């Protein structure tokens, strides 16, 4: 039975090759689970082009374009920014972009990472698009840079920092999305207990961050994240579903709920 309003998966990688063999079936299962829109992020220029094609084929998908923080290629960043600008009306967000201090540890590379992230923050402001942000092992630094550059519409996906580090972002009106891996993550459970429902959204980060780390994750599992939030906060699941969808629409706009099949 479809929930009303529909659930929104705000961060996935549906362009990932692991879905090439059964993408239509994966999306059918998502729709059956009550998912009404899926933000499919990019990690490269190639991904961005593929996401545009997939969004034409699959009405559930909403395409985003970004450069994964470990792709430390200034030329690709500039080319991707040009591509985003030239097709600005096609995107619901710029992402996945951000900082990653887990894989990138040399200071010179981190400086390049900050430069590239800054380019996309500025582009998001120019085009009035949300930022779909990665911040692995760099939560405080990511939030500081976003605030420093005046980022306005921000979505921090799968935030892995302490709740106290998230508070400046909450005060700034940023949003945090929660994946199904919350069922096995003490850190994310603590984060959800601390953060207000008014800043939470749902995600799956498919094909990863599922309830079982050994299995491919998919958007239908977004309901697992919603159920976990409800249990942690002592709320009805429907209340969480409604609030997280309202939050996603507040950030991304009504394009999430428009019926693209017509």
C-alpha atoms as a PDB file:
ATOM      1  CA  UNK A   1       0.000   0.000   0.000  1.00  0.00           C
ATOM      2  CA  UNK A   2       1.463   3.336  -1.081  1.00  0.00           C
ATOM      3  CA  UNK A   3       1.935   5.883   1.667  1.00  0.00           C
ATOM      4  CA  UNK A   4       0.661   9.430   1.262  1.00  0.00           C
ATOM      5  CA  UNK A   5       2.695  11.551   0.896  1.00  0.00           C
ATOM      6  CA  UNK A   6       5.222   9.331  -0.881  1.00  0.00           C
ATOM      7  CA  UNK A   7       8.644   8.686   0.590  1.00  0.00           C
ATOM      8  CA  UNK A   8      11.641  10.471  -0.922  1.00  0.00           C
ATOM      9  CA  UNK A   9      15.042   8.811  -1.303  1.00  0.00           C
ATOM     10  CA  UNK A  10      17.257  11.889  -1.342  1.00  0.00           C
ATOM     11  CA  UNK A  11      20.608  10.276  -2.143  1.00  0.00           C
ATOM     12  CA  UNK A  12      21.242   7.256  -4.360  1.00  0.00           C
ATOM     13  CA  UNK A  13      23.614   6.116  -7.095  1.00  0.00           C
ATOM     14  CA  UNK A  14      21.078   4.616  -9.483  1.00  0.00           C
ATOM     15  CA  UNK A  15      23.494   5.203 -12.354  1.00  0.00           C
ATOM     16  CA  UNK A  16      25.840   2.670 -10.739  1.00  0.00           C
ATOM     17  CA  UNK A  17      26.705  -0.274 -12.969  1.00  0.00           C
ATOM     18  CA  UNK A  18      25.421  -2.697 -10.345  1.00  0.00           C
ATOM     19  CA  UNK A  19      21.895  -1.645 -11.387  1.00  0.00           C
ATOM     20  CA  UNK A  20      22.408  -1.942 -15.147  1.00  0.00           C
ATOM     21  CA  UNK A  21      20.975  -5.461 -15.268  1.00  0.00           C
ATOM     22  CA  UNK A  22      17.759  -4.865 -13.295  1.00  0.00           C
ATOM     23  CA  UNK A  23      17.266  -1.120 -12.818  1.00  0.00           C
ATOM     24  CA  UNK A  24      13.607  -1.215 -13.912  1.00  0.00           C
ATOM     25  CA  UNK A  25      12.842  -3.974 -11.393  1.00  0.00           C
ATOM     26  CA  UNK A  26      14.648  -2.082  -8.616  1.00  0.00           C
ATOM     27  CA  UNK A  27      12.576   1.010  -9.354  1.00  0.00           C
ATOM     28  CA  UNK A  28       9.370  -1.005  -9.496  1.00  0.00           C
ATOM     29  CA  UNK A  29      10.108  -2.339  -6.012  1.00  0.00           C
ATOM     30  CA  UNK A  30      10.769   1.212  -4.821  1.00  0.00           C
ATOM     31  CA  UNK A  31       7.442   2.440  -6.164  1.00  0.00           C
ATOM     32  CA  UNK A  32       5.690  -0.509  -4.535  1.00  0.00           C
ATOM     33  CA  UNK A  33       7.332   0.410  -1.210  1.00  0.00           C
ATOM     34  CA  UNK A  34       5.830   3.898  -1.435  1.00  0.00           C
ATOM     35  CA  UNK A  35       8.796   5.798  -2.867  1.00  0.00           C
ATOM     36  CA  UNK A  36       7.650   8.739  -4.976  1.00  0.00           C
ATOM     37  CA  UNK A  37      10.981  10.225  -6.039  1.00  0.00           C
ATOM     38  CA  UNK A  38      14.647   9.267  -6.005  1.00  0.00           C
ATOM     39  CA  UNK A  39      17.498  11.781  -6.217  1.00  0.00           C
ATOM     40  CA  UNK A  40      20.220  10.060  -8.217  1.00  0.00           C
ATOM     41  CA  UNK A  41      23.603  11.689  -7.636  1.00  0.00           C
ATOM     42  CA  UNK A  42      26.705  11.685  -9.818  1.00  0.00           C
ATOM     43  CA  UNK A  43      30.343  11.048  -9.012  1.00  0.00           C
ATOM     44  CA  UNK A  44      31.758  12.158 -12.369  1.00  0.00           C
ATOM     45  CA  UNK A  45      30.942  13.887 -15.636  1.00  0.00           C
ATOM     46  CA  UNK A  46      30.199  10.473 -17.134  1.00  0.00           C
ATOM     47  CA  UNK A  47      27.738   9.756 -14.317  1.00  0.00           C
ATOM     48  CA  UNK A  48      26.034  13.113 -14.831  1.00  0.00           C
ATOM     49  CA  UNK A  49      25.428  12.383 -18.503  1.00  0.00           C
ATOM     50  CA  UNK A  50      24.115   8.923 -17.658  1.00  0.00           C
ATOM     51  CA  UNK A  51      21.801  10.327 -14.981  1.00  0.00           C
ATOM     52  CA  UNK A  52      20.193  12.645 -17.534  1.00  0.00           C
ATOM     53  CA  UNK A  53      19.518   9.719 -19.848  1.00  0.00           C
ATOM     54  CA  UNK A  54      18.147   7.565 -17.029  1.00  0.00           C
ATOM     55  CA  UNK A  55      15.830  10.317 -15.801  1.00  0.00           C
ATOM     56  CA  UNK A  56      14.214  10.399 -19.235  1.00  0.00           C
ATOM     57  CA  UNK A  57      13.670   6.631 -19.135  1.00  0.00           C
ATOM     58  CA  UNK A  58      12.554   6.351 -15.495  1.00  0.00           C
ATOM     59  CA  UNK A  59      10.041   8.866 -14.084  1.00  0.00           C
ATOM     60  CA  UNK A  60      10.982   8.121 -10.449  1.00  0.00           C
ATOM     61  CA  UNK A  61      14.496   9.507 -10.906  1.00  0.00           C
ATOM     62  CA  UNK A  62      15.520  13.114 -10.277  1.00  0.00           C
ATOM     63  CA  UNK A  63      19.051  13.753 -11.590  1.00  0.00           C
ATOM     64  CA  UNK A  64      21.871  15.486  -9.737  1.00  0.00           C
ATOM     65  CA  UNK A  65      25.355  16.234 -11.056  1.00  0.00           C
ATOM     66  CA  UNK A  66      28.540  16.368  -9.019  1.00  0.00           C
ATOM     67  CA  UNK A  67      32.130  15.238  -8.632  1.00  0.00           C
ATOM     68  CA  UNK A  68      33.002  12.786  -5.872  1.00  0.00           C
ATOM     69  CA  UNK A  69      35.502  14.373  -3.460  1.00  0.00           C
ATOM     70  CA  UNK A  70      38.208  11.800  -4.159  1.00  0.00           C
ATOM     71  CA  UNK A  71      38.252  12.747  -7.861  1.00  0.00           C
ATOM     72  CA  UNK A  72      40.898  15.433  -7.507  1.00  0.00           C
ATOM     73  CA  UNK A  73      40.769  16.606 -11.107  1.00  0.00           C
ATOM     74  CA  UNK A  74      40.469  20.369 -11.505  1.00  0.00           C
ATOM     75  CA  UNK A  75      39.908  20.102 -15.259  1.00  0.00           C
ATOM     76  CA  UNK A  76      37.050  17.624 -14.852  1.00  0.00           C
ATOM     77  CA  UNK A  77      35.519  19.870 -12.184  1.00  0.00           C
ATOM     78  CA  UNK A  78      35.579  22.869 -14.514  1.00  0.00           C
ATOM     79  CA  UNK A  79      34.166  20.834 -17.405  1.00  0.00           C
ATOM     80  CA  UNK A  80      31.425  19.409 -15.194  1.00  0.00           C
ATOM     81  CA  UNK A  81      30.546  22.877 -13.889  1.00  0.00           C
ATOM     82  CA  UNK A  82      30.184  24.041 -17.489  1.00  0.00           C
ATOM     83  CA  UNK A  83      27.969  21.030 -18.275  1.00  0.00           C
ATOM     84  CA  UNK A  84      25.766  21.723 -15.244  1.00  0.00           C
ATOM     85  CA  UNK A  85      25.444  25.392 -16.164  1.00  0.00           C
ATOM     86  CA  UNK A  86      24.576  24.590 -19.793  1.00  0.00           C
ATOM     87  CA  UNK A  87      21.813  22.196 -18.695  1.00  0.00           C
ATOM     88  CA  UNK A  88      20.810  23.946 -15.479  1.00  0.00           C
ATOM     89  CA  UNK A  89      17.072  23.314 -15.846  1.00  0.00           C
ATOM     90  CA  UNK A  90      17.665  19.548 -15.872  1.00  0.00           C
ATOM     91  CA  UNK A  91      19.042  19.213 -12.343  1.00  0.00           C
ATOM     92  CA  UNK A  92      17.423  19.009  -8.921  1.00  0.00           C
ATOM     93  CA  UNK A  93      20.770  19.402  -7.151  1.00  0.00           C
ATOM     94  CA  UNK A  94      24.522  19.642  -7.424  1.00  0.00           C
ATOM     95  CA  UNK A  95      26.005  16.510  -5.935  1.00  0.00           C
ATOM     96  CA  UNK A  96      27.586  14.455  -4.800  1.00  0.00           C
ATOM     97  CA  UNK A  97      30.258  16.993  -3.829  1.00  0.00           C
ATOM     98  CA  UNK A  98      32.128  17.772  -0.629  1.00  0.00           C
ATOM     99  CA  UNK A  99      35.151  16.742   1.411  1.00  0.00           C
ATOM    100  CA  UNK A 100      36.580  13.338   2.275  1.00  0.00           C
ATOM    101  CA  UNK A 101      39.362  13.176   4.852  1.00  0.00           C
ATOM    102  CA  UNK A 102      39.110   9.415   5.214  1.00  0.00           C
ATOM    103  CA  UNK A 103      40.651   8.662   1.815  1.00  0.00           C
ATOM    104  CA  UNK A 104      42.337  11.999   1.122  1.00  0.00           C
ATOM    105  CA  UNK A 105      44.950  12.683   3.802  1.00  0.00           C
ATOM    106  CA  UNK A 106      47.791  14.662   2.184  1.00  0.00           C
ATOM    107  CA  UNK A 107      47.360  18.381   2.895  1.00  0.00           C
ATOM    108  CA  UNK A 108      48.070  19.427  -0.711  1.00  0.00           C
ATOM    109  CA  UNK A 109      45.332  17.086  -1.936  1.00  0.00           C
ATOM    110  CA  UNK A 110      42.937  18.313   0.739  1.00  0.00           C
ATOM    111  CA  UNK A 111      43.557  21.872  -0.395  1.00  0.00           C
ATOM    112  CA  UNK A 112      42.654  20.892  -3.970  1.00  0.00           C
ATOM    113  CA  UNK A 113      39.582  19.141  -2.606  1.00  0.00           C
ATOM    114  CA  UNK A 114      38.516  22.331  -0.841  1.00  0.00           C
ATOM    115  CA  UNK A 115      39.084  24.336  -4.029  1.00  0.00           C
ATOM    116  CA  UNK A 116      36.918  21.996  -6.094  1.00  0.00           C
ATOM    117  CA  UNK A 117      34.202  21.913  -3.435  1.00  0.00           C
ATOM    118  CA  UNK A 118      34.256  25.712  -3.305  1.00  0.00           C
ATOM    119  CA  UNK A 119      33.715  25.835  -7.057  1.00  0.00           C
ATOM    120  CA  UNK A 120      30.537  23.765  -6.702  1.00  0.00           C
ATOM    121  CA  UNK A 121      29.301  25.735  -3.689  1.00  0.00           C
ATOM    122  CA  UNK A 122      29.580  28.911  -5.758  1.00  0.00           C
ATOM    123  CA  UNK A 123      27.848  27.241  -8.698  1.00  0.00           C
ATOM    124  CA  UNK A 124      24.960  26.112  -6.491  1.00  0.00           C
ATOM    125  CA  UNK A 125      24.503  29.680  -5.291  1.00  0.00           C
ATOM    126  CA  UNK A 126      24.655  30.984  -8.855  1.00  0.00           C
ATOM    127  CA  UNK A 127      22.014  28.521 -10.092  1.00  0.00           C
ATOM    128  CA  UNK A 128      19.971  28.417  -6.852  1.00  0.00           C
ATOM    129  CA  UNK A 129      20.310  24.644  -6.607  1.00  0.00           C
ATOM    130  CA  UNK A 130      20.658  22.532  -3.457  1.00  0.00           C
ATOM    131  CA  UNK A 131      24.011  20.959  -2.632  1.00  0.00           C
ATOM    132  CA  UNK A 132      24.006  17.210  -1.983  1.00  0.00           C
ATOM    133  CA  UNK A 133      27.093  16.907   0.225  1.00  0.00           C
ATOM    134  CA  UNK A 134      29.566  14.185   1.191  1.00  0.00           C
ATOM    135  CA  UNK A 135      31.571  14.803   4.379  1.00  0.00           C
ATOM    136  CA  UNK A 136      33.231  11.536   5.389  1.00  0.00           C
ATOM    137  CA  UNK A 137      35.607  12.058   8.331  1.00  0.00           C
ATOM    138  CA  UNK A 138      35.379  15.789   7.594  1.00  0.00           C
ATOM    139  CA  UNK A 139      32.073  16.888   9.094  1.00  0.00           C
ATOM    140  CA  UNK A 140      33.337  19.954  10.931  1.00  0.00           C
ATOM    141  CA  UNK A 141      35.545  21.088   8.045  1.00  0.00           C
ATOM    142  CA  UNK A 142      32.732  20.622   5.535  1.00  0.00           C
ATOM    143  CA  UNK A 143      30.241  22.599   7.603  1.00  0.00           C
ATOM    144  CA  UNK A 144      32.800  25.343   8.237  1.00  0.00           C
ATOM    145  CA  UNK A 145      33.491  25.725   4.506  1.00  0.00           C
ATOM    146  CA  UNK A 146      29.786  25.755   3.640  1.00  0.00           C
ATOM    147  CA  UNK A 147      29.123  28.470   6.214  1.00  0.00           C
ATOM    148  CA  UNK A 148      32.204  30.453   5.198  1.00  0.00           C
ATOM    149  CA  UNK A 149      31.112  30.549   1.551  1.00  0.00           C
ATOM    150  CA  UNK A 150      27.480  31.359   2.344  1.00  0.00           C
ATOM    151  CA  UNK A 151      25.919  28.130   1.091  1.00  0.00           C
ATOM    152  CA  UNK A 152      22.164  28.411   1.350  1.00  0.00           C
ATOM    153  CA  UNK A 153      20.457  25.130   0.380  1.00  0.00           C
ATOM    154  CA  UNK A 154      22.423  22.246   1.870  1.00  0.00           C
ATOM    155  CA  UNK A 155      21.846  18.517   2.268  1.00  0.00           C
ATOM    156  CA  UNK A 156      24.464  16.611   4.297  1.00  0.00           C
ATOM    157  CA  UNK A 157      24.120  12.956   3.402  1.00  0.00           C
ATOM    158  CA  UNK A 158      25.075  10.101   5.759  1.00  0.00           C
ATOM    159  CA  UNK A 159      26.821  12.483   8.151  1.00  0.00           C
ATOM    160  CA  UNK A 160      29.388  10.482  10.149  1.00  0.00           C
ATOM    161  CA  UNK A 161      30.416  13.080  12.724  1.00  0.00           C
ATOM    162  CA  UNK A 162      29.337  13.624  16.297  1.00  0.00           C
ATOM    163  CA  UNK A 163      25.979  15.285  16.880  1.00  0.00           C
ATOM    164  CA  UNK A 164      27.654  18.284  18.511  1.00  0.00           C
ATOM    165  CA  UNK A 165      29.543  18.927  15.261  1.00  0.00           C
ATOM    166  CA  UNK A 166      26.221  19.056  13.398  1.00  0.00           C
ATOM    167  CA  UNK A 167      24.651  21.785  15.519  1.00  0.00           C
ATOM    168  CA  UNK A 168      26.010  24.788  13.524  1.00  0.00           C
ATOM    169  CA  UNK A 169      24.546  23.205  10.386  1.00  0.00           C
ATOM    170  CA  UNK A 170      21.171  22.708  12.055  1.00  0.00           C
ATOM    171  CA  UNK A 171      21.196  26.348  13.128  1.00  0.00           C
ATOM    172  CA  UNK A 172      21.992  27.361   9.536  1.00  0.00           C
ATOM    173  CA  UNK A 173      18.962  25.442   8.220  1.00  0.00           C
ATOM    174  CA  UNK A 174      20.875  22.568   6.639  1.00  0.00           C
ATOM    175  CA  UNK A 175      19.309  19.122   6.302  1.00  0.00           C
ATOM    176  CA  UNK A 176      20.666  15.653   7.178  1.00  0.00           C
ATOM    177  CA  UNK A 177      19.604  12.422   5.487  1.00  0.00           C
ATOM    178  CA  UNK A 178      19.593   9.041   7.190  1.00  0.00           C
ATOM    179  CA  UNK A 179      20.372   5.746   5.409  1.00  0.00           C
ATOM    180  CA  UNK A 180      19.162   2.221   6.300  1.00  0.00           C
ATOM    181  CA  UNK A 181      22.591   1.480   7.795  1.00  0.00           C
ATOM    182  CA  UNK A 182      21.295   3.312  10.883  1.00  0.00           C
ATOM    183  CA  UNK A 183      20.093  -0.078  12.119  1.00  0.00           C
ATOM    184  CA  UNK A 184      23.760  -1.108  12.576  1.00  0.00           C
ATOM    185  CA  UNK A 185      25.377   2.279  13.272  1.00  0.00           C
ATOM    186  CA  UNK A 186      25.579   3.567  16.852  1.00  0.00           C
ATOM    187  CA  UNK A 187      26.871   6.905  15.525  1.00  0.00           C
ATOM    188  CA  UNK A 188      23.839   7.466  13.310  1.00  0.00           C
ATOM    189  CA  UNK A 189      21.497   6.386  16.071  1.00  0.00           C
ATOM    190  CA  UNK A 190      23.031   9.001  18.396  1.00  0.00           C
ATOM    191  CA  UNK A 191      22.783  11.608  15.633  1.00  0.00           C
ATOM    192  CA  UNK A 192      19.092  10.949  15.032  1.00  0.00           C
ATOM    193  CA  UNK A 193      18.281  11.074  18.746  1.00  0.00           C
ATOM    194  CA  UNK A 194      19.965  14.478  18.998  1.00  0.00           C
ATOM    195  CA  UNK A 195      18.825  16.215  15.799  1.00  0.00           C
ATOM    196  CA  UNK A 196      15.302  17.623  15.414  1.00  0.00           C
ATOM    197  CA  UNK A 197      12.924  15.878  13.039  1.00  0.00           C
ATOM    198  CA  UNK A 198      12.570  19.199  11.222  1.00  0.00           C
ATOM    199  CA  UNK A 199      16.033  18.775   9.660  1.00  0.00           C
ATOM    200  CA  UNK A 200      15.919  15.050   8.823  1.00  0.00           C
ATOM    201  CA  UNK A 201      15.362  13.386   5.457  1.00  0.00           C
ATOM    202  CA  UNK A 202      15.632   9.808   4.172  1.00  0.00           C
ATOM    203  CA  UNK A 203      18.225   8.280   1.862  1.00  0.00           C
ATOM    204  CA  UNK A 204      19.583   4.870   0.937  1.00  0.00           C
ATOM    205  CA  UNK A 205      22.921   5.710  -0.746  1.00  0.00           C
ATOM    206  CA  UNK A 206      22.184   2.676  -2.914  1.00  0.00           C
ATOM    207  CA  UNK A 207      23.966   0.448  -3.698  1.00  0.00           C
ATOM    208  CA  UNK A 208      25.776   0.870  -0.344  1.00  0.00           C
ATOM    209  CA  UNK A 209      24.808   1.717   3.288  1.00  0.00           C
ATOM    210  CA  UNK A 210      22.044  -0.857   3.433  1.00  0.00           C
ATOM    211  CA  UNK A 211      20.893  -2.763   6.510  1.00  0.00           C
ATOM    212  CA  UNK A 212      23.191  -5.633   5.494  1.00  0.00           C
ATOM    213  CA  UNK A 213      26.665  -4.422   4.460  1.00  0.00           C
ATOM    214  CA  UNK A 214      27.185  -7.557   2.334  1.00  0.00           C
ATOM    215  CA  UNK A 215      24.070  -7.030   0.187  1.00  0.00           C
ATOM    216  CA  UNK A 216      23.325  -4.475  -2.510  1.00  0.00           C
ATOM    217  CA  UNK A 217      21.172  -1.697  -1.105  1.00  0.00           C
ATOM    218  CA  UNK A 218      18.232  -0.293  -3.073  1.00  0.00           C
ATOM    219  CA  UNK A 219      15.671   2.532  -2.708  1.00  0.00           C
ATOM    220  CA  UNK A 220      12.886   0.310  -1.362  1.00  0.00           C
ATOM    221  CA  UNK A 221      14.953   0.075   1.821  1.00  0.00           C
ATOM    222  CA  UNK A 222      14.305   3.740   2.556  1.00  0.00           C
ATOM    223  CA  UNK A 223      11.398   2.533   4.686  1.00  0.00           C
ATOM    224  CA  UNK A 224      13.906   0.817   6.991  1.00  0.00           C
ATOM    225  CA  UNK A 225      15.496   4.190   7.697  1.00  0.00           C
ATOM    226  CA  UNK A 226      12.088   5.771   8.341  1.00  0.00           C
ATOM    227  CA  UNK A 227      11.126   2.994  10.730  1.00  0.00           C
ATOM    228  CA  UNK A 228      14.398   3.320  12.637  1.00  0.00           C
ATOM    229  CA  UNK A 229      13.967   7.089  13.042  1.00  0.00           C
ATOM    230  CA  UNK A 230      10.435   6.546  14.336  1.00  0.00           C
ATOM    231  CA  UNK A 231      11.617   3.999  16.911  1.00  0.00           C
ATOM    232  CA  UNK A 232      14.513   6.161  18.100  1.00  0.00           C
ATOM    233  CA  UNK A 233      12.329   9.232  18.504  1.00  0.00           C
ATOM    234  CA  UNK A 234       9.283   7.476  19.859  1.00  0.00           C
ATOM    235  CA  UNK A 235       7.103   8.636  16.974  1.00  0.00           C
ATOM    236  CA  UNK A 236       4.621   7.009  14.635  1.00  0.00           C
ATOM    237  CA  UNK A 237       6.239   5.919  11.387  1.00  0.00           C
ATOM    238  CA  UNK A 238       3.683   7.905   9.414  1.00  0.00           C
ATOM    239  CA  UNK A 239       4.726  11.080  11.251  1.00  0.00           C
ATOM    240  CA  UNK A 240       8.337  10.472  10.227  1.00  0.00           C
ATOM    241  CA  UNK A 241       7.308   9.719   6.648  1.00  0.00           C
ATOM    242  CA  UNK A 242       5.334  12.944   6.401  1.00  0.00           C
ATOM    243  CA  UNK A 243       7.977  15.113   8.052  1.00  0.00           C
ATOM    244  CA  UNK A 244      10.899  13.785   6.021  1.00  0.00           C
ATOM    245  CA  UNK A 245       8.996  14.235   2.775  1.00  0.00           C
ATOM    246  CA  UNK A 246       8.006  17.776   3.746  1.00  0.00           C
ATOM    247  CA  UNK A 247      11.648  18.512   4.541  1.00  0.00           C
ATOM    248  CA  UNK A 248      12.825  17.122   1.209  1.00  0.00           C
ATOM    249  CA  UNK A 249      10.302  19.207  -0.697  1.00  0.00           C
ATOM    250  CA  UNK A 250      11.258  22.293   1.324  1.00  0.00           C
ATOM    251  CA  UNK A 251      14.866  21.837   0.225  1.00  0.00           C
ATOM    252  CA  UNK A 252      14.527  20.481  -3.309  1.00  0.00           C
ATOM    253  CA  UNK A 253      11.208  21.958  -4.375  1.00  0.00           C
ATOM    254  CA  UNK A 254       7.928  20.646  -5.750  1.00  0.00           C
ATOM    255  CA  UNK A 255       9.807  18.939  -8.608  1.00  0.00           C
ATOM    256  CA  UNK A 256      10.189  15.956  -6.276  1.00  0.00           C
ATOM    257  CA  UNK A 257       6.458  15.306  -6.229  1.00  0.00           C
ATOM    258  CA  UNK A 258       5.526  16.249  -9.784  1.00  0.00           C
ATOM    259  CA  UNK A 259       4.333  13.252 -11.786  1.00  0.00           C
ATOM    260  CA  UNK A 260       6.850  12.920 -14.637  1.00  0.00           C
ATOM    261  CA  UNK A 261       4.912  10.080 -16.251  1.00  0.00           C
ATOM    262  CA  UNK A 262       2.488  12.531 -17.830  1.00  0.00           C
END
